[in-house]
């Protein structure tokens, strides 16, 4: 299987000694670490932008990066992303920053170098949009929006 090459800059080499790695051969994402010098305490309902200390250049328009929450932290502690998912376009070259939101009723501590989010590379299809008066293939599905798939 062909593995795309993603250029990565370590912006804080004094705290990172290696590149992010996949935890297992079946891991879909790499963990992102908090590139902070001191503990950050997120109060309930608070949202904070946390640096990762890395920048990427994907360079291939058929790929994008996504920043996702770590499921254990989200479920057990209530630490999720403020924007649900962070989308990293192929031409973005800045530092990966993570919007962290404490949805719990307890304070959450983010420690220096803590694994607090994950980064995955996904395929992208850029479509060509065409304006039409009506669709060429009429669906039987309702146009009512959320929850309108038809309940029987």
N, C-alpha and C. Protein backbone atom coordinates (compact mmCIF):
# COMPACT_ATOMS: atom_id res chain seq x y z
N UNK A 1 0.83 -1.18 0.00
CA UNK A 1 0.00 0.00 0.00
C UNK A 1 0.88 1.25 0.00
N UNK A 2 0.57 2.16 -0.88
CA UNK A 2 1.31 3.41 -1.00
C UNK A 2 0.97 4.33 0.17
N UNK A 3 1.99 4.81 0.86
CA UNK A 3 1.79 5.76 1.95
C UNK A 3 2.20 7.14 1.45
N UNK A 4 1.27 8.11 1.51
CA UNK A 4 1.65 9.46 1.10
C UNK A 4 2.68 10.03 2.06
N UNK A 5 3.53 10.88 1.55
CA UNK A 5 4.54 11.54 2.36
C UNK A 5 4.01 12.92 2.74
N UNK A 6 3.95 13.19 4.03
CA UNK A 6 3.48 14.47 4.54
C UNK A 6 4.67 15.17 5.19
N UNK A 7 4.97 16.37 4.72
CA UNK A 7 6.05 17.15 5.34
C UNK A 7 5.58 17.68 6.68
N UNK A 8 6.43 17.58 7.69
CA UNK A 8 6.09 18.00 9.04
C UNK A 8 7.25 18.78 9.64
N UNK A 9 6.93 19.92 10.23
CA UNK A 9 7.94 20.72 10.93
C UNK A 9 7.74 20.61 12.42
N UNK A 10 8.81 20.36 13.16
CA UNK A 10 8.76 20.43 14.61
C UNK A 10 9.04 21.88 15.00
N UNK A 11 8.03 22.58 15.46
CA UNK A 11 8.17 23.99 15.79
C UNK A 11 8.73 24.21 17.19
N UNK A 12 8.68 23.19 18.01
CA UNK A 12 9.22 23.27 19.36
C UNK A 12 10.19 22.12 19.58
N UNK A 13 11.34 22.10 18.85
CA UNK A 13 12.26 20.96 18.96
C UNK A 13 12.81 20.77 20.37
N UNK A 14 12.74 21.79 21.19
CA UNK A 14 13.24 21.65 22.56
C UNK A 14 12.35 20.74 23.42
N UNK A 15 11.09 20.54 23.00
CA UNK A 15 10.22 19.66 23.77
C UNK A 15 9.85 18.37 23.03
N UNK A 16 9.99 18.38 21.72
CA UNK A 16 9.68 17.17 20.95
C UNK A 16 10.98 16.58 20.42
N UNK A 17 11.20 15.31 20.71
CA UNK A 17 12.41 14.66 20.22
C UNK A 17 12.14 13.77 19.01
N UNK A 18 10.86 13.57 18.68
CA UNK A 18 10.55 12.70 17.55
C UNK A 18 9.25 13.14 16.89
N UNK A 19 9.04 12.63 15.69
CA UNK A 19 7.82 12.90 14.94
C UNK A 19 6.67 12.10 15.54
N UNK A 20 5.43 12.57 15.34
CA UNK A 20 4.28 11.76 15.78
C UNK A 20 4.31 10.40 15.08
N UNK A 21 3.90 9.37 15.81
CA UNK A 21 3.90 8.01 15.25
C UNK A 21 2.54 7.37 15.47
N UNK A 22 2.22 6.41 14.61
CA UNK A 22 1.02 5.61 14.79
C UNK A 22 1.27 4.65 15.95
N UNK A 23 0.29 4.51 16.83
CA UNK A 23 0.44 3.67 18.01
C UNK A 23 0.54 2.19 17.70
N UNK A 24 -0.20 1.75 16.68
CA UNK A 24 -0.17 0.34 16.26
C UNK A 24 -0.21 0.30 14.74
N UNK A 25 -0.03 -0.88 14.18
CA UNK A 25 -0.07 -1.00 12.72
C UNK A 25 -1.48 -0.75 12.18
N UNK A 26 -2.48 -0.86 13.02
CA UNK A 26 -3.86 -0.61 12.60
C UNK A 26 -4.40 0.75 12.98
N UNK A 27 -3.58 1.60 13.59
CA UNK A 27 -4.03 2.93 13.99
C UNK A 27 -4.32 3.80 12.78
N UNK A 28 -5.45 4.49 12.80
CA UNK A 28 -5.83 5.38 11.71
C UNK A 28 -5.26 6.78 11.87
N UNK A 29 -4.96 7.15 13.11
CA UNK A 29 -4.50 8.52 13.39
C UNK A 29 -3.28 8.50 14.30
N UNK A 30 -2.58 9.62 14.32
CA UNK A 30 -1.48 9.81 15.26
C UNK A 30 -1.96 10.76 16.36
N UNK A 31 -1.43 10.56 17.55
CA UNK A 31 -1.79 11.44 18.66
C UNK A 31 -1.07 12.78 18.53
N UNK A 32 -1.77 13.83 18.92
CA UNK A 32 -1.19 15.17 19.00
C UNK A 32 -0.94 15.48 20.47
N UNK A 33 0.18 16.12 20.74
CA UNK A 33 0.54 16.45 22.12
C UNK A 33 0.44 17.96 22.35
N UNK A 34 0.16 18.32 23.57
CA UNK A 34 0.05 19.73 23.94
C UNK A 34 1.45 20.33 24.04
N UNK A 35 1.75 21.27 23.17
CA UNK A 35 3.05 21.95 23.17
C UNK A 35 2.95 23.18 24.05
N UNK A 36 2.82 22.93 25.34
CA UNK A 36 2.68 24.01 26.32
C UNK A 36 3.76 23.85 27.39
N UNK A 37 4.10 24.97 28.02
CA UNK A 37 5.15 24.95 29.03
C UNK A 37 4.62 24.74 30.44
N UNK A 38 3.33 25.03 30.63
CA UNK A 38 2.75 24.85 31.95
C UNK A 38 1.33 24.32 31.83
N UNK A 39 0.85 23.78 32.94
CA UNK A 39 -0.48 23.21 33.00
C UNK A 39 -1.54 24.24 32.62
N UNK A 40 -2.52 23.80 31.82
CA UNK A 40 -3.68 24.64 31.50
C UNK A 40 -4.89 23.96 32.13
N UNK A 41 -5.65 24.72 32.91
CA UNK A 41 -6.86 24.20 33.54
C UNK A 41 -8.05 24.78 32.82
N UNK A 42 -8.85 23.89 32.22
CA UNK A 42 -10.07 24.31 31.53
C UNK A 42 -11.23 24.19 32.50
N UNK A 43 -11.85 25.30 32.81
CA UNK A 43 -13.02 25.30 33.68
C UNK A 43 -14.22 24.73 32.91
N UNK A 44 -15.25 24.26 33.60
CA UNK A 44 -16.44 23.74 32.91
C UNK A 44 -16.99 24.77 31.91
N UNK A 45 -17.23 24.32 30.70
CA UNK A 45 -17.76 25.19 29.65
C UNK A 45 -16.73 26.03 28.94
N UNK A 46 -15.48 26.03 29.41
CA UNK A 46 -14.43 26.86 28.81
C UNK A 46 -13.89 26.22 27.53
N UNK A 47 -13.37 27.09 26.65
CA UNK A 47 -12.78 26.65 25.39
C UNK A 47 -11.44 27.36 25.25
N UNK A 48 -10.41 26.64 24.87
CA UNK A 48 -9.07 27.21 24.76
C UNK A 48 -8.37 26.63 23.54
N UNK A 49 -7.60 27.47 22.87
CA UNK A 49 -6.82 27.04 21.71
C UNK A 49 -5.46 26.55 22.20
N UNK A 50 -5.16 25.28 21.94
CA UNK A 50 -3.94 24.64 22.43
C UNK A 50 -3.01 24.36 21.25
N UNK A 51 -1.76 24.82 21.34
CA UNK A 51 -0.80 24.54 20.25
C UNK A 51 -0.28 23.11 20.31
N UNK A 52 0.08 22.59 19.14
CA UNK A 52 0.64 21.24 19.06
C UNK A 52 2.15 21.24 18.85
N UNK A 53 2.70 22.38 18.47
CA UNK A 53 4.13 22.45 18.23
C UNK A 53 4.57 21.85 16.91
N UNK A 54 3.60 21.51 16.05
CA UNK A 54 3.95 20.98 14.73
C UNK A 54 3.16 21.70 13.64
N UNK A 55 3.75 21.74 12.47
CA UNK A 55 3.08 22.25 11.27
C UNK A 55 3.23 21.17 10.21
N UNK A 56 2.22 21.06 9.35
CA UNK A 56 2.27 20.07 8.27
C UNK A 56 2.02 20.77 6.94
N UNK A 57 2.53 20.16 5.90
CA UNK A 57 2.20 20.57 4.54
C UNK A 57 1.84 19.30 3.79
N UNK A 58 0.56 19.11 3.57
CA UNK A 58 0.07 17.89 2.93
C UNK A 58 0.39 17.93 1.43
N UNK A 59 0.24 19.09 0.82
CA UNK A 59 0.61 19.40 -0.56
C UNK A 59 -0.18 18.70 -1.67
N UNK A 60 -0.90 17.65 -1.37
CA UNK A 60 -1.68 16.90 -2.36
C UNK A 60 -3.15 17.26 -2.17
N UNK A 61 -3.76 17.91 -3.16
CA UNK A 61 -5.16 18.36 -3.05
C UNK A 61 -6.16 17.20 -2.93
N UNK A 62 -5.71 15.97 -3.17
CA UNK A 62 -6.61 14.83 -3.00
C UNK A 62 -6.58 14.30 -1.57
N UNK A 63 -5.86 15.01 -0.68
CA UNK A 63 -5.78 14.63 0.73
C UNK A 63 -6.07 15.84 1.61
N UNK A 64 -6.52 15.59 2.82
CA UNK A 64 -6.69 16.63 3.83
C UNK A 64 -6.37 16.00 5.17
N UNK A 65 -6.14 16.84 6.14
CA UNK A 65 -5.95 16.37 7.50
C UNK A 65 -7.18 16.70 8.33
N UNK A 66 -7.43 15.89 9.33
CA UNK A 66 -8.52 16.17 10.26
C UNK A 66 -8.00 16.01 11.67
N UNK A 67 -8.33 16.99 12.51
CA UNK A 67 -8.02 16.90 13.93
C UNK A 67 -9.30 16.42 14.62
N UNK A 68 -9.16 15.35 15.39
CA UNK A 68 -10.29 14.73 16.06
C UNK A 68 -10.02 14.66 17.56
N UNK A 69 -11.07 14.59 18.37
CA UNK A 69 -10.85 14.40 19.80
C UNK A 69 -10.38 12.97 20.08
N UNK A 70 -9.73 12.77 21.20
CA UNK A 70 -9.40 11.42 21.64
C UNK A 70 -10.63 10.89 22.36
N UNK A 71 -11.11 9.74 21.95
CA UNK A 71 -12.39 9.24 22.45
C UNK A 71 -12.41 9.04 23.96
N UNK A 72 -11.34 8.56 24.54
CA UNK A 72 -11.29 8.35 25.99
C UNK A 72 -11.43 9.66 26.76
N UNK A 73 -10.74 10.69 26.31
CA UNK A 73 -10.83 12.00 26.98
C UNK A 73 -12.21 12.60 26.82
N UNK A 74 -12.81 12.40 25.66
CA UNK A 74 -14.15 12.93 25.43
C UNK A 74 -15.19 12.24 26.29
N UNK A 75 -15.11 10.92 26.36
CA UNK A 75 -16.11 10.16 27.10
C UNK A 75 -15.89 10.24 28.62
N UNK A 76 -14.67 10.05 29.05
CA UNK A 76 -14.40 9.98 30.49
C UNK A 76 -14.29 11.34 31.17
N UNK A 77 -13.72 12.32 30.44
CA UNK A 77 -13.48 13.62 31.08
C UNK A 77 -14.30 14.76 30.49
N UNK A 78 -14.84 14.58 29.28
CA UNK A 78 -15.62 15.65 28.66
C UNK A 78 -14.78 16.62 27.84
N UNK A 79 -13.54 16.24 27.49
CA UNK A 79 -12.68 17.10 26.68
C UNK A 79 -12.93 16.78 25.21
N UNK A 80 -13.55 17.71 24.51
CA UNK A 80 -13.84 17.54 23.09
C UNK A 80 -13.34 18.76 22.33
N UNK A 81 -13.49 18.76 21.02
CA UNK A 81 -13.05 19.88 20.21
C UNK A 81 -14.14 20.94 20.15
N UNK A 82 -13.74 22.19 20.28
CA UNK A 82 -14.67 23.31 20.23
C UNK A 82 -15.37 23.44 18.89
N UNK A 83 -14.74 22.96 17.83
CA UNK A 83 -15.33 23.02 16.50
C UNK A 83 -15.68 21.64 15.97
N UNK A 84 -15.81 20.66 16.83
CA UNK A 84 -16.15 19.27 16.51
C UNK A 84 -15.03 18.54 15.78
N UNK A 85 -14.62 19.06 14.64
CA UNK A 85 -13.53 18.48 13.85
C UNK A 85 -12.73 19.63 13.27
N UNK A 86 -11.42 19.54 13.31
CA UNK A 86 -10.59 20.54 12.67
C UNK A 86 -10.16 20.05 11.30
N UNK A 87 -10.45 20.84 10.27
CA UNK A 87 -10.08 20.46 8.90
C UNK A 87 -8.81 21.18 8.50
N UNK A 88 -7.82 20.43 8.05
CA UNK A 88 -6.55 20.98 7.61
C UNK A 88 -6.45 20.78 6.10
N UNK A 89 -6.55 21.88 5.36
CA UNK A 89 -6.47 21.83 3.90
C UNK A 89 -5.06 21.46 3.45
N UNK A 90 -4.96 20.94 2.25
CA UNK A 90 -3.67 20.46 1.74
C UNK A 90 -2.65 21.58 1.58
N UNK A 91 -3.11 22.83 1.43
CA UNK A 91 -2.16 23.93 1.23
C UNK A 91 -1.89 24.73 2.51
N UNK A 92 -2.45 24.32 3.64
CA UNK A 92 -2.17 24.99 4.91
C UNK A 92 -0.80 24.56 5.42
N UNK A 93 0.00 25.52 5.90
CA UNK A 93 1.34 25.19 6.37
C UNK A 93 1.63 25.72 7.77
N UNK A 94 0.60 26.23 8.45
CA UNK A 94 0.81 26.78 9.79
C UNK A 94 0.76 25.71 10.86
N UNK A 95 0.97 26.16 12.10
CA UNK A 95 0.94 25.25 13.24
C UNK A 95 -0.46 24.66 13.41
N UNK A 96 -0.51 23.39 13.74
CA UNK A 96 -1.78 22.76 14.08
C UNK A 96 -2.17 23.22 15.48
N UNK A 97 -3.31 23.88 15.56
CA UNK A 97 -3.85 24.36 16.82
C UNK A 97 -5.15 23.61 17.07
N UNK A 98 -5.43 23.29 18.32
CA UNK A 98 -6.61 22.51 18.65
C UNK A 98 -7.51 23.29 19.59
N UNK A 99 -8.74 23.50 19.15
CA UNK A 99 -9.75 24.15 19.98
C UNK A 99 -10.30 23.11 20.95
N UNK A 100 -9.96 23.23 22.22
CA UNK A 100 -10.39 22.27 23.24
C UNK A 100 -11.51 22.86 24.06
N UNK A 101 -12.58 22.10 24.22
CA UNK A 101 -13.76 22.56 24.96
C UNK A 101 -14.05 21.57 26.08
N UNK A 102 -14.24 22.10 27.27
CA UNK A 102 -14.60 21.28 28.43
C UNK A 102 -16.12 21.26 28.53
N UNK A 103 -16.74 20.18 28.11
CA UNK A 103 -18.19 20.08 28.17
C UNK A 103 -18.67 19.45 29.47
N UNK A 104 -17.74 19.16 30.38
CA UNK A 104 -18.11 18.53 31.65
C UNK A 104 -18.41 19.58 32.71
N UNK A 105 -18.74 19.11 33.90
CA UNK A 105 -19.00 19.99 35.05
C UNK A 105 -17.78 20.07 35.96
N UNK A 106 -16.68 19.42 35.57
CA UNK A 106 -15.45 19.40 36.36
C UNK A 106 -14.33 20.09 35.59
N UNK A 107 -13.35 20.62 36.30
CA UNK A 107 -12.18 21.19 35.64
C UNK A 107 -11.39 20.07 34.96
N UNK A 108 -10.79 20.39 33.82
CA UNK A 108 -9.93 19.44 33.10
C UNK A 108 -8.55 20.05 33.00
N UNK A 109 -7.54 19.28 33.36
CA UNK A 109 -6.16 19.76 33.27
C UNK A 109 -5.51 19.22 32.01
N UNK A 110 -4.91 20.13 31.25
CA UNK A 110 -4.11 19.74 30.09
C UNK A 110 -2.66 19.99 30.47
N UNK A 111 -1.90 18.92 30.51
CA UNK A 111 -0.51 18.98 30.95
C UNK A 111 0.42 19.13 29.75
N UNK A 112 1.61 19.69 29.97
CA UNK A 112 2.60 19.74 28.89
C UNK A 112 2.87 18.35 28.33
N UNK A 113 2.88 18.25 27.02
CA UNK A 113 3.12 17.02 26.26
C UNK A 113 2.02 15.96 26.38
N UNK A 114 0.91 16.32 26.98
CA UNK A 114 -0.22 15.39 27.09
C UNK A 114 -0.77 15.07 25.71
N UNK A 115 -1.10 13.81 25.47
CA UNK A 115 -1.78 13.42 24.24
C UNK A 115 -3.24 13.84 24.40
N UNK A 116 -3.67 14.82 23.61
CA UNK A 116 -4.98 15.42 23.86
C UNK A 116 -5.89 15.46 22.63
N UNK A 117 -5.38 15.12 21.47
CA UNK A 117 -6.18 15.10 20.23
C UNK A 117 -5.48 14.13 19.29
N UNK A 118 -6.10 13.91 18.13
CA UNK A 118 -5.47 13.04 17.13
C UNK A 118 -5.62 13.62 15.74
N UNK A 119 -4.72 13.22 14.86
CA UNK A 119 -4.63 13.76 13.51
C UNK A 119 -4.67 12.61 12.51
N UNK A 120 -5.57 12.73 11.54
CA UNK A 120 -5.73 11.70 10.53
C UNK A 120 -5.67 12.33 9.14
N UNK A 121 -5.12 11.61 8.19
CA UNK A 121 -5.10 12.03 6.79
C UNK A 121 -6.25 11.31 6.09
N UNK A 122 -7.07 12.05 5.35
CA UNK A 122 -8.24 11.47 4.67
C UNK A 122 -8.25 11.86 3.19
N UNK A 123 -8.87 11.02 2.35
CA UNK A 123 -8.98 11.37 0.93
C UNK A 123 -10.03 12.47 0.73
N UNK A 124 -9.83 13.26 -0.30
CA UNK A 124 -10.73 14.37 -0.63
C UNK A 124 -11.09 14.28 -2.11
N UNK A 125 -12.34 14.54 -2.41
CA UNK A 125 -12.78 14.64 -3.79
C UNK A 125 -13.29 16.06 -3.99
N UNK A 126 -12.69 16.78 -4.91
CA UNK A 126 -13.18 18.12 -5.24
C UNK A 126 -14.15 17.97 -6.40
N UNK A 127 -15.41 18.32 -6.13
CA UNK A 127 -16.47 18.15 -7.13
C UNK A 127 -16.60 19.38 -8.01
N UNK A 128 -17.21 19.18 -9.14
CA UNK A 128 -17.60 20.29 -10.02
C UNK A 128 -19.09 20.50 -9.81
N UNK A 129 -19.49 21.72 -9.47
CA UNK A 129 -20.89 22.01 -9.21
C UNK A 129 -21.54 22.61 -10.45
N UNK A 130 -22.77 22.17 -10.74
CA UNK A 130 -23.52 22.62 -11.90
C UNK A 130 -24.90 23.05 -11.43
N UNK A 131 -25.31 24.27 -11.78
CA UNK A 131 -26.64 24.76 -11.42
C UNK A 131 -27.68 24.11 -12.33
N UNK A 132 -28.77 23.59 -11.73
CA UNK A 132 -29.85 22.95 -12.49
C UNK A 132 -31.19 23.45 -11.98
N UNK A 133 -32.22 23.32 -12.82
CA UNK A 133 -33.60 23.66 -12.42
C UNK A 133 -34.21 22.51 -11.62
N UNK A 134 -33.91 21.28 -12.03
CA UNK A 134 -34.37 20.11 -11.28
C UNK A 134 -33.31 19.03 -11.41
N UNK A 135 -33.31 18.10 -10.48
CA UNK A 135 -32.29 17.06 -10.47
C UNK A 135 -32.58 16.00 -11.54
N UNK A 136 -31.53 15.47 -12.12
CA UNK A 136 -31.68 14.47 -13.19
C UNK A 136 -32.22 13.15 -12.67
N UNK A 137 -32.01 12.87 -11.42
CA UNK A 137 -32.51 11.63 -10.82
C UNK A 137 -33.30 12.00 -9.58
N UNK A 138 -34.61 11.89 -9.64
CA UNK A 138 -35.47 12.27 -8.52
C UNK A 138 -35.50 11.17 -7.46
N UNK A 139 -35.12 11.54 -6.26
CA UNK A 139 -35.11 10.62 -5.12
C UNK A 139 -36.51 10.49 -4.54
N UNK A 140 -36.77 9.35 -3.90
CA UNK A 140 -38.04 9.15 -3.21
C UNK A 140 -37.98 9.69 -1.78
N UNK A 141 -36.82 10.13 -1.38
CA UNK A 141 -36.63 10.62 -0.02
C UNK A 141 -37.25 12.00 0.15
N UNK A 142 -37.78 12.24 1.31
CA UNK A 142 -38.41 13.51 1.64
C UNK A 142 -37.37 14.63 1.65
N UNK A 143 -37.80 15.85 1.43
CA UNK A 143 -36.91 17.01 1.47
C UNK A 143 -37.09 17.79 2.75
N UNK A 144 -37.66 17.19 3.78
CA UNK A 144 -37.99 17.89 5.02
C UNK A 144 -36.83 18.15 5.97
N UNK A 145 -35.65 17.67 5.67
CA UNK A 145 -34.51 17.95 6.54
C UNK A 145 -34.26 16.85 7.54
N UNK A 146 -33.68 17.23 8.68
CA UNK A 146 -33.30 16.26 9.71
C UNK A 146 -34.49 15.41 10.13
N UNK A 147 -34.29 14.10 10.18
CA UNK A 147 -35.33 13.19 10.65
C UNK A 147 -36.40 12.88 9.63
N UNK A 148 -36.18 13.20 8.37
CA UNK A 148 -37.20 12.98 7.35
C UNK A 148 -36.82 11.87 6.38
N UNK A 149 -36.22 10.80 6.90
CA UNK A 149 -35.87 9.69 6.02
C UNK A 149 -37.02 8.72 5.86
N UNK A 150 -38.12 9.00 6.51
CA UNK A 150 -39.29 8.13 6.41
C UNK A 150 -39.36 7.14 7.53
N UNK A 151 -40.29 7.28 8.41
CA UNK A 151 -40.47 6.38 9.53
C UNK A 151 -41.66 5.48 9.24
N UNK A 152 -41.46 4.18 9.38
CA UNK A 152 -42.54 3.23 9.11
C UNK A 152 -42.98 2.56 10.37
